C-alpha atoms as a PDB file:
ATOM      1  CA  UNK A   1      45.849 174.237  77.867  1.00  0.00           C
ATOM      2  CA  UNK A   2      43.715 173.585  80.910  1.00  0.00           C
ATOM      3  CA  UNK A   3      40.613 175.698  81.284  1.00  0.00           C
ATOM      4  CA  UNK A   4      38.936 177.099  84.349  1.00  0.00           C
ATOM      5  CA  UNK A   5      35.290 178.167  84.657  1.00  0.00           C
ATOM      6  CA  UNK A   6      34.916 181.130  87.014  1.00  0.00           C
ATOM      7  CA  UNK A   7      31.466 182.341  88.010  1.00  0.00           C
ATOM      8  CA  UNK A   8      29.669 184.360  90.658  1.00  0.00           C
ATOM      9  CA  UNK A   9      26.409 182.724  89.564  1.00  0.00           C
ATOM     10  CA  UNK A  10      25.423 185.437  87.086  1.00  0.00           C
ATOM     11  CA  UNK A  11      25.807 185.592  83.309  1.00  0.00           C
ATOM     12  CA  UNK A  12      27.949 188.734  83.495  1.00  0.00           C
ATOM     13  CA  UNK A  13      30.101 187.212  86.238  1.00  0.00           C
ATOM     14  CA  UNK A  14      30.912 183.995  84.361  1.00  0.00           C
ATOM     15  CA  UNK A  15      34.071 183.479  82.315  1.00  0.00           C
ATOM     16  CA  UNK A  16      36.065 180.616  80.863  1.00  0.00           C
ATOM     17  CA  UNK A  17      39.787 181.217  81.370  1.00  0.00           C
ATOM     18  CA  UNK A  18      43.141 179.634  80.717  1.00  0.00           C
ATOM     19  CA  UNK A  19      43.917 177.919  84.036  1.00  0.00           C
ATOM     20  CA  UNK A  20      47.631 178.792  83.883  1.00  0.00           C
ATOM     21  CA  UNK A  21      47.434 182.481  82.846  1.00  0.00           C
ATOM     22  CA  UNK A  22      43.902 183.530  83.833  1.00  0.00           C
ATOM     23  CA  UNK A  23      43.359 184.943  80.319  1.00  0.00           C
ATOM     24  CA  UNK A  24      39.656 184.969  79.382  1.00  0.00           C
ATOM     25  CA  UNK A  25      38.957 182.775  76.354  1.00  0.00           C
ATOM     26  CA  UNK A  26      36.990 184.464  73.587  1.00  0.00           C
ATOM     27  CA  UNK A  27      34.227 182.774  71.597  1.00  0.00           C
ATOM     28  CA  UNK A  28      32.528 180.923  74.466  1.00  0.00           C
ATOM     29  CA  UNK A  29      28.804 181.515  73.964  1.00  0.00           C
ATOM     30  CA  UNK A  30      27.236 179.141  76.491  1.00  0.00           C
ATOM     31  CA  UNK A  31      28.516 177.388  79.608  1.00  0.00           C
ATOM     32  CA  UNK A  32      26.266 174.632  80.946  1.00  0.00           C
ATOM     33  CA  UNK A  33      27.549 173.079  84.169  1.00  0.00           C
ATOM     34  CA  UNK A  34      25.765 170.126  85.764  1.00  0.00           C
ATOM     35  CA  UNK A  35      26.368 168.464  89.093  1.00  0.00           C
ATOM     36  CA  UNK A  36      24.259 165.426  89.978  1.00  0.00           C
ATOM     37  CA  UNK A  37      24.657 163.556  93.250  1.00  0.00           C
ATOM     38  CA  UNK A  38      26.558 160.311  92.719  1.00  0.00           C
ATOM     39  CA  UNK A  39      27.615 161.157  89.146  1.00  0.00           C
ATOM     40  CA  UNK A  40      30.640 162.908  87.658  1.00  0.00           C
ATOM     41  CA  UNK A  41      30.175 166.632  87.070  1.00  0.00           C
ATOM     42  CA  UNK A  42      29.783 167.794  83.462  1.00  0.00           C
ATOM     43  CA  UNK A  43      30.551 171.059  81.728  1.00  0.00           C
ATOM     44  CA  UNK A  44      29.317 171.803  78.205  1.00  0.00           C
ATOM     45  CA  UNK A  45      30.827 174.730  76.318  1.00  0.00           C
ATOM     46  CA  UNK A  46      29.332 176.208  73.165  1.00  0.00           C
ATOM     47  CA  UNK A  47      32.335 177.630  71.315  1.00  0.00           C
ATOM     48  CA  UNK A  48      31.843 179.932  68.340  1.00  0.00           C
ATOM     49  CA  UNK A  49      34.330 181.126  65.737  1.00  0.00           C
ATOM     50  CA  UNK A  50      37.572 179.597  66.960  1.00  0.00           C
ATOM     51  CA  UNK A  51      39.620 176.630  65.880  1.00  0.00           C
ATOM     52  CA  UNK A  52      40.963 174.210  68.436  1.00  0.00           C
ATOM     53  CA  UNK A  53      42.614 170.865  68.896  1.00  0.00           C
ATOM     54  CA  UNK A  54      41.012 168.738  71.585  1.00  0.00           C
ATOM     55  CA  UNK A  55      43.324 166.368  73.398  1.00  0.00           C
ATOM     56  CA  UNK A  56      42.004 164.392  76.334  1.00  0.00           C
ATOM     57  CA  UNK A  57      42.861 161.504  78.581  1.00  0.00           C
ATOM     58  CA  UNK A  58      39.251 161.086  79.678  1.00  0.00           C
ATOM     59  CA  UNK A  59      37.520 157.800  79.007  1.00  0.00           C
ATOM     60  CA  UNK A  60      34.049 156.566  79.773  1.00  0.00           C
ATOM     61  CA  UNK A  61      32.215 153.335  79.191  1.00  0.00           C
ATOM     62  CA  UNK A  62      29.353 153.415  76.736  1.00  0.00           C
ATOM     63  CA  UNK A  63      25.929 153.231  78.304  1.00  0.00           C
ATOM     64  CA  UNK A  64      24.133 149.938  77.761  1.00  0.00           C
ATOM     65  CA  UNK A  65      21.268 149.911  75.311  1.00  0.00           C
ATOM     66  CA  UNK A  66      18.291 150.595  77.539  1.00  0.00           C
ATOM     67  CA  UNK A  67      15.687 149.907  74.850  1.00  0.00           C
ATOM     68  CA  UNK A  68      13.883 146.715  75.926  1.00  0.00           C
ATOM     69  CA  UNK A  69      12.020 146.368  72.607  1.00  0.00           C
ATOM     70  CA  UNK A  70      12.991 144.331  69.591  1.00  0.00           C
ATOM     71  CA  UNK A  71      11.962 145.421  66.082  1.00  0.00           C
ATOM     72  CA  UNK A  72       9.256 143.190  64.616  1.00  0.00           C
ATOM     73  CA  UNK A  73       7.957 143.165  61.059  1.00  0.00           C
ATOM     74  CA  UNK A  74       4.264 142.397  60.903  1.00  0.00           C
ATOM     75  CA  UNK A  75       2.212 141.819  57.792  1.00  0.00           C
ATOM     76  CA  UNK A  76      -1.415 142.859  58.174  1.00  0.00           C
ATOM     77  CA  UNK A  77      -4.099 142.465  55.581  1.00  0.00           C
ATOM     78  CA  UNK A  78      -6.744 145.152  54.972  1.00  0.00           C
ATOM     79  CA  UNK A  79      -9.447 143.312  56.971  1.00  0.00           C
ATOM     80  CA  UNK A  80      -7.163 143.055  60.005  1.00  0.00           C
ATOM     81  CA  UNK A  81      -6.388 146.771  59.783  1.00  0.00           C
ATOM     82  CA  UNK A  82     -10.115 147.622  59.547  1.00  0.00           C
ATOM     83  CA  UNK A  83     -10.903 145.413  62.533  1.00  0.00           C
ATOM     84  CA  UNK A  84      -8.076 146.958  64.508  1.00  0.00           C
ATOM     85  CA  UNK A  85      -9.229 150.487  63.749  1.00  0.00           C
ATOM     86  CA  UNK A  86     -12.915 149.518  63.898  1.00  0.00           C
ATOM     87  CA  UNK A  87     -13.351 151.614  60.784  1.00  0.00           C
ATOM     88  CA  UNK A  88     -15.240 150.153  57.844  1.00  0.00           C
ATOM     89  CA  UNK A  89     -15.342 153.391  55.848  1.00  0.00           C
ATOM     90  CA  UNK A  90     -13.265 151.901  53.056  1.00  0.00           C
ATOM     91  CA  UNK A  91     -15.921 149.252  52.249  1.00  0.00           C
END
């Protein structure tokens, strides 16, 4: 089944329908539609209380890891920690 999102811009005027029959689909709680210049449009549906099989031909590359940091294990002794915190209250 292909779906169609129909909206007049209001909550009451928004429905998710079967594209072929126009039948309104029950159980859709939230529709979040995003359009960003230069990027594919996205639609997120929050579906409650129905079972479904999802079949798709869509494919997308995984985003590269944008974290520039590498994990590092450091061993600090108590004096180094005190100096770092400038707190000698544990003396």
